[in-house]
């Protein structure tokens, strides 16, 4: 793997979804030993080095990964389909949050609300532009406004990952509306 984007995608896949595909063990909070990751990727023909991992973590524009304070462990900060218990503290969200999606998903969303779809949490953005970019990854983008202030006041919990992504377990339809900006 030469390119940092390719390495970032590989690490995302391993640390979020399939550590067993290379034989990596993660603890309950999603941390895996960097030395084990390096050894196992070399055995699978995908050599990584400590320097390369550190470089990808530091330069990743979405800040998808964290390295432990002692420098021995790595994890994805959110987006897991694995059952992990990353220790997020519930906090008060901004008044509104955004969710970017593709137009083809709107009917389903307005029938069942926003659900994690294989992840542990629904991912929300604090800014409109980020939501547009997320939506564009899946087709023609549409941005939903989430009335997070009302949700929070009615007992829903919100968390913020280390890279600024807002997380919640579910967003019922009555807290959603379509953003009309162009």
C-alpha atoms as a PDB file:
ATOM      1  CA  UNK A   1       0.000   0.000   0.000  1.00  0.00           C
ATOM      2  CA  UNK A   2       1.627   3.146  -1.190  1.00  0.00           C
ATOM      3  CA  UNK A   3      -0.966   5.823  -0.971  1.00  0.00           C
ATOM      4  CA  UNK A   4      -2.190   7.298   2.338  1.00  0.00           C
ATOM      5  CA  UNK A   5      -5.835   7.289   1.214  1.00  0.00           C
ATOM      6  CA  UNK A   6      -5.619   3.574   0.473  1.00  0.00           C
ATOM      7  CA  UNK A   7      -3.984   2.935   3.854  1.00  0.00           C
ATOM      8  CA  UNK A   8      -6.647   5.022   5.620  1.00  0.00           C
ATOM      9  CA  UNK A   9      -9.399   3.002   3.916  1.00  0.00           C
ATOM     10  CA  UNK A  10      -7.673  -0.238   4.873  1.00  0.00           C
ATOM     11  CA  UNK A  11      -7.321   0.867   8.514  1.00  0.00           C
ATOM     12  CA  UNK A  12     -10.976   1.990   8.556  1.00  0.00           C
ATOM     13  CA  UNK A  13     -12.078  -1.407   7.300  1.00  0.00           C
ATOM     14  CA  UNK A  14      -9.926  -3.305   9.806  1.00  0.00           C
ATOM     15  CA  UNK A  15     -10.583  -1.105  12.857  1.00  0.00           C
ATOM     16  CA  UNK A  16     -14.298  -0.436  12.231  1.00  0.00           C
ATOM     17  CA  UNK A  17     -15.586  -3.610  10.653  1.00  0.00           C
ATOM     18  CA  UNK A  18     -13.307  -6.632  10.266  1.00  0.00           C
ATOM     19  CA  UNK A  19     -10.262  -6.961  12.534  1.00  0.00           C
ATOM     20  CA  UNK A  20     -10.639 -10.735  12.295  1.00  0.00           C
ATOM     21  CA  UNK A  21      -9.885 -10.566   8.546  1.00  0.00           C
ATOM     22  CA  UNK A  22      -6.204 -10.194   9.477  1.00  0.00           C
ATOM     23  CA  UNK A  23      -6.425 -11.817  12.934  1.00  0.00           C
ATOM     24  CA  UNK A  24      -6.308  -8.565  14.929  1.00  0.00           C
ATOM     25  CA  UNK A  25      -7.872  -8.500  18.391  1.00  0.00           C
ATOM     26  CA  UNK A  26      -9.603  -5.349  19.619  1.00  0.00           C
ATOM     27  CA  UNK A  27     -10.602  -4.659  23.203  1.00  0.00           C
ATOM     28  CA  UNK A  28     -14.136  -3.631  24.214  1.00  0.00           C
ATOM     29  CA  UNK A  29     -13.421   0.015  23.358  1.00  0.00           C
ATOM     30  CA  UNK A  30     -12.026  -0.795  19.924  1.00  0.00           C
ATOM     31  CA  UNK A  31      -8.303  -0.472  20.708  1.00  0.00           C
ATOM     32  CA  UNK A  32      -5.851  -2.785  18.938  1.00  0.00           C
ATOM     33  CA  UNK A  33      -2.117  -3.161  19.519  1.00  0.00           C
ATOM     34  CA  UNK A  34      -0.134  -1.316  16.860  1.00  0.00           C
ATOM     35  CA  UNK A  35       2.690  -3.880  17.028  1.00  0.00           C
ATOM     36  CA  UNK A  36       0.180  -6.682  16.396  1.00  0.00           C
ATOM     37  CA  UNK A  37      -1.380  -4.702  13.517  1.00  0.00           C
ATOM     38  CA  UNK A  38       2.052  -4.254  11.894  1.00  0.00           C
ATOM     39  CA  UNK A  39       2.983  -7.920  12.323  1.00  0.00           C
ATOM     40  CA  UNK A  40      -0.359  -9.213  11.009  1.00  0.00           C
ATOM     41  CA  UNK A  41      -0.407  -6.902   7.980  1.00  0.00           C
ATOM     42  CA  UNK A  42       3.124  -7.978   7.066  1.00  0.00           C
ATOM     43  CA  UNK A  43       2.037 -11.629   7.239  1.00  0.00           C
ATOM     44  CA  UNK A  44      -0.885 -10.806   4.909  1.00  0.00           C
ATOM     45  CA  UNK A  45       1.385  -9.060   2.404  1.00  0.00           C
ATOM     46  CA  UNK A  46       0.242  -5.539   3.271  1.00  0.00           C
ATOM     47  CA  UNK A  47       3.253  -4.162   5.097  1.00  0.00           C
ATOM     48  CA  UNK A  48       2.670  -1.210   7.402  1.00  0.00           C
ATOM     49  CA  UNK A  49       5.263   0.518   9.544  1.00  0.00           C
ATOM     50  CA  UNK A  50       4.881   2.497  12.743  1.00  0.00           C
ATOM     51  CA  UNK A  51       5.983   5.641  10.912  1.00  0.00           C
ATOM     52  CA  UNK A  52       3.409   5.117   8.162  1.00  0.00           C
ATOM     53  CA  UNK A  53       0.587   4.471  10.645  1.00  0.00           C
ATOM     54  CA  UNK A  54       1.511   7.577  12.659  1.00  0.00           C
ATOM     55  CA  UNK A  55       1.665   9.651   9.471  1.00  0.00           C
ATOM     56  CA  UNK A  56      -1.765   8.457   8.299  1.00  0.00           C
ATOM     57  CA  UNK A  57      -3.287   9.138  11.730  1.00  0.00           C
ATOM     58  CA  UNK A  58      -1.781  12.634  11.960  1.00  0.00           C
ATOM     59  CA  UNK A  59      -2.593  13.703   8.397  1.00  0.00           C
ATOM     60  CA  UNK A  60      -6.048  12.145   7.974  1.00  0.00           C
ATOM     61  CA  UNK A  61      -8.311  15.107   7.247  1.00  0.00           C
ATOM     62  CA  UNK A  62     -11.329  13.439   8.853  1.00  0.00           C
ATOM     63  CA  UNK A  63      -9.393  12.461  12.000  1.00  0.00           C
ATOM     64  CA  UNK A  64     -10.792   8.942  11.823  1.00  0.00           C
ATOM     65  CA  UNK A  65      -8.210   7.338  14.095  1.00  0.00           C
ATOM     66  CA  UNK A  66      -6.775   7.810  17.558  1.00  0.00           C
ATOM     67  CA  UNK A  67      -3.536   6.543  19.040  1.00  0.00           C
ATOM     68  CA  UNK A  68      -3.426   5.897  22.772  1.00  0.00           C
ATOM     69  CA  UNK A  69      -1.442   8.241  24.995  1.00  0.00           C
ATOM     70  CA  UNK A  70       1.287   5.619  25.418  1.00  0.00           C
ATOM     71  CA  UNK A  71       1.502   5.172  21.635  1.00  0.00           C
ATOM     72  CA  UNK A  72       0.917   1.427  21.785  1.00  0.00           C
ATOM     73  CA  UNK A  73      -2.706   1.182  20.589  1.00  0.00           C
ATOM     74  CA  UNK A  74      -4.860   2.474  17.731  1.00  0.00           C
ATOM     75  CA  UNK A  75      -8.605   2.648  17.149  1.00  0.00           C
ATOM     76  CA  UNK A  76     -11.178   4.165  14.825  1.00  0.00           C
ATOM     77  CA  UNK A  77     -12.931   7.019  16.630  1.00  0.00           C
ATOM     78  CA  UNK A  78     -16.401   6.166  15.289  1.00  0.00           C
ATOM     79  CA  UNK A  79     -18.226   4.378  12.474  1.00  0.00           C
ATOM     80  CA  UNK A  80     -17.955   0.863  13.869  1.00  0.00           C
ATOM     81  CA  UNK A  81     -20.224  -1.920  12.746  1.00  0.00           C
ATOM     82  CA  UNK A  82     -18.488  -4.022  15.406  1.00  0.00           C
ATOM     83  CA  UNK A  83     -19.906  -4.045  18.880  1.00  0.00           C
ATOM     84  CA  UNK A  84     -17.511  -1.781  20.717  1.00  0.00           C
ATOM     85  CA  UNK A  85     -18.113   0.345  23.756  1.00  0.00           C
ATOM     86  CA  UNK A  86     -16.188   3.489  22.961  1.00  0.00           C
ATOM     87  CA  UNK A  87     -16.768   5.599  26.069  1.00  0.00           C
ATOM     88  CA  UNK A  88     -18.569   8.691  24.826  1.00  0.00           C
ATOM     89  CA  UNK A  89     -19.926  11.207  27.323  1.00  0.00           C
ATOM     90  CA  UNK A  90     -23.472  12.418  26.622  1.00  0.00           C
ATOM     91  CA  UNK A  91     -23.391  16.169  25.974  1.00  0.00           C
ATOM     92  CA  UNK A  92     -25.772  18.930  24.934  1.00  0.00           C
ATOM     93  CA  UNK A  93     -25.890  19.211  21.136  1.00  0.00           C
ATOM     94  CA  UNK A  94     -26.236  22.405  19.097  1.00  0.00           C
ATOM     95  CA  UNK A  95     -29.824  23.491  18.329  1.00  0.00           C
ATOM     96  CA  UNK A  96     -29.734  21.824  14.920  1.00  0.00           C
ATOM     97  CA  UNK A  97     -27.568  19.212  13.304  1.00  0.00           C
ATOM     98  CA  UNK A  98     -27.442  18.011   9.697  1.00  0.00           C
ATOM     99  CA  UNK A  99     -27.493  14.610   8.049  1.00  0.00           C
ATOM    100  CA  UNK A 100     -26.323  14.210   4.474  1.00  0.00           C
ATOM    101  CA  UNK A 101     -27.825  11.412   2.425  1.00  0.00           C
ATOM    102  CA  UNK A 102     -28.835  10.622  -1.150  1.00  0.00           C
ATOM    103  CA  UNK A 103     -32.253  11.474  -2.540  1.00  0.00           C
ATOM    104  CA  UNK A 104     -32.990   7.784  -3.157  1.00  0.00           C
ATOM    105  CA  UNK A 105     -33.045   7.185   0.632  1.00  0.00           C
ATOM    106  CA  UNK A 106     -35.521   9.950   1.537  1.00  0.00           C
ATOM    107  CA  UNK A 107     -38.700   7.829   1.371  1.00  0.00           C
ATOM    108  CA  UNK A 108     -37.184   5.192   3.625  1.00  0.00           C
ATOM    109  CA  UNK A 109     -35.891   7.807   6.090  1.00  0.00           C
ATOM    110  CA  UNK A 110     -39.290   9.494   6.323  1.00  0.00           C
ATOM    111  CA  UNK A 111     -40.904   6.102   6.947  1.00  0.00           C
ATOM    112  CA  UNK A 112     -38.581   4.847   9.674  1.00  0.00           C
ATOM    113  CA  UNK A 113     -36.440   7.798  10.795  1.00  0.00           C
ATOM    114  CA  UNK A 114     -32.658   7.878  10.720  1.00  0.00           C
ATOM    115  CA  UNK A 115     -31.250   4.547  11.826  1.00  0.00           C
ATOM    116  CA  UNK A 116     -27.599   3.473  12.181  1.00  0.00           C
ATOM    117  CA  UNK A 117     -27.753   1.037   9.205  1.00  0.00           C
ATOM    118  CA  UNK A 118     -25.121  -1.385  10.464  1.00  0.00           C
ATOM    119  CA  UNK A 119     -23.239   1.181  12.532  1.00  0.00           C
ATOM    120  CA  UNK A 120     -23.741   1.728  16.237  1.00  0.00           C
ATOM    121  CA  UNK A 121     -24.902   5.340  15.866  1.00  0.00           C
ATOM    122  CA  UNK A 122     -26.475   7.731  13.405  1.00  0.00           C
ATOM    123  CA  UNK A 123     -23.786  10.179  12.253  1.00  0.00           C
ATOM    124  CA  UNK A 124     -24.645  13.882  12.178  1.00  0.00           C
ATOM    125  CA  UNK A 125     -22.744  17.016  11.152  1.00  0.00           C
ATOM    126  CA  UNK A 126     -22.661  20.402  12.791  1.00  0.00           C
ATOM    127  CA  UNK A 127     -22.262  22.182   9.463  1.00  0.00           C
ATOM    128  CA  UNK A 128     -24.237  22.078   6.253  1.00  0.00           C
ATOM    129  CA  UNK A 129     -21.262  21.763   3.894  1.00  0.00           C
ATOM    130  CA  UNK A 130     -20.012  18.592   5.587  1.00  0.00           C
ATOM    131  CA  UNK A 131     -23.485  17.074   5.302  1.00  0.00           C
ATOM    132  CA  UNK A 132     -23.576  17.891   1.566  1.00  0.00           C
ATOM    133  CA  UNK A 133     -20.204  16.185   1.091  1.00  0.00           C
ATOM    134  CA  UNK A 134     -21.418  13.095   2.964  1.00  0.00           C
ATOM    135  CA  UNK A 135     -24.610  12.988   0.872  1.00  0.00           C
ATOM    136  CA  UNK A 136     -22.661  13.304  -2.367  1.00  0.00           C
ATOM    137  CA  UNK A 137     -20.788  10.077  -1.557  1.00  0.00           C
ATOM    138  CA  UNK A 138     -24.051   8.174  -1.965  1.00  0.00           C
ATOM    139  CA  UNK A 139     -25.604   9.866  -5.008  1.00  0.00           C
ATOM    140  CA  UNK A 140     -27.481  13.136  -5.503  1.00  0.00           C
ATOM    141  CA  UNK A 141     -27.198  14.804  -2.107  1.00  0.00           C
ATOM    142  CA  UNK A 142     -30.021  15.972   0.084  1.00  0.00           C
ATOM    143  CA  UNK A 143     -29.477  17.439   3.536  1.00  0.00           C
ATOM    144  CA  UNK A 144     -31.807  16.786   6.457  1.00  0.00           C
ATOM    145  CA  UNK A 145     -32.120  19.151   9.399  1.00  0.00           C
ATOM    146  CA  UNK A 146     -32.296  17.418  12.764  1.00  0.00           C
ATOM    147  CA  UNK A 147     -34.012  19.321  15.579  1.00  0.00           C
ATOM    148  CA  UNK A 148     -31.406  18.156  18.074  1.00  0.00           C
ATOM    149  CA  UNK A 149     -32.395  20.749  20.667  1.00  0.00           C
ATOM    150  CA  UNK A 150     -35.927  19.330  20.850  1.00  0.00           C
ATOM    151  CA  UNK A 151     -34.663  15.736  20.790  1.00  0.00           C
ATOM    152  CA  UNK A 152     -32.288  16.471  23.671  1.00  0.00           C
ATOM    153  CA  UNK A 153     -35.015  18.204  25.687  1.00  0.00           C
ATOM    154  CA  UNK A 154     -37.183  15.115  25.209  1.00  0.00           C
ATOM    155  CA  UNK A 155     -34.542  12.727  26.551  1.00  0.00           C
ATOM    156  CA  UNK A 156     -32.448  11.668  23.553  1.00  0.00           C
ATOM    157  CA  UNK A 157     -28.710  11.485  24.173  1.00  0.00           C
ATOM    158  CA  UNK A 158     -26.038  12.912  21.910  1.00  0.00           C
ATOM    159  CA  UNK A 159     -22.320  12.274  21.836  1.00  0.00           C
ATOM    160  CA  UNK A 160     -19.466  13.862  19.955  1.00  0.00           C
ATOM    161  CA  UNK A 161     -16.587  11.741  18.705  1.00  0.00           C
ATOM    162  CA  UNK A 162     -12.998  12.917  18.899  1.00  0.00           C
ATOM    163  CA  UNK A 163     -13.140  14.131  15.298  1.00  0.00           C
ATOM    164  CA  UNK A 164     -16.283  16.240  15.792  1.00  0.00           C
ATOM    165  CA  UNK A 165     -18.919  13.894  14.363  1.00  0.00           C
ATOM    166  CA  UNK A 166     -22.166  14.011  16.363  1.00  0.00           C
ATOM    167  CA  UNK A 167     -23.690  10.657  17.264  1.00  0.00           C
ATOM    168  CA  UNK A 168     -27.096   9.488  18.465  1.00  0.00           C
ATOM    169  CA  UNK A 169     -28.807   6.105  18.491  1.00  0.00           C
ATOM    170  CA  UNK A 170     -31.838   7.038  16.354  1.00  0.00           C
ATOM    171  CA  UNK A 171     -33.611  10.091  14.954  1.00  0.00           C
ATOM    172  CA  UNK A 172     -37.414   9.733  14.752  1.00  0.00           C
ATOM    173  CA  UNK A 173     -39.151  11.244  11.716  1.00  0.00           C
ATOM    174  CA  UNK A 174     -40.842  14.015  13.727  1.00  0.00           C
ATOM    175  CA  UNK A 175     -37.425  15.636  14.373  1.00  0.00           C
ATOM    176  CA  UNK A 176     -36.466  15.755  10.680  1.00  0.00           C
ATOM    177  CA  UNK A 177     -37.049  18.147   7.820  1.00  0.00           C
ATOM    178  CA  UNK A 178     -35.417  18.586   4.433  1.00  0.00           C
ATOM    179  CA  UNK A 179     -32.972  21.477   4.062  1.00  0.00           C
ATOM    180  CA  UNK A 180     -34.051  23.623   1.129  1.00  0.00           C
ATOM    181  CA  UNK A 181     -30.659  25.323   0.459  1.00  0.00           C
ATOM    182  CA  UNK A 182     -29.092  24.904  -2.929  1.00  0.00           C
END
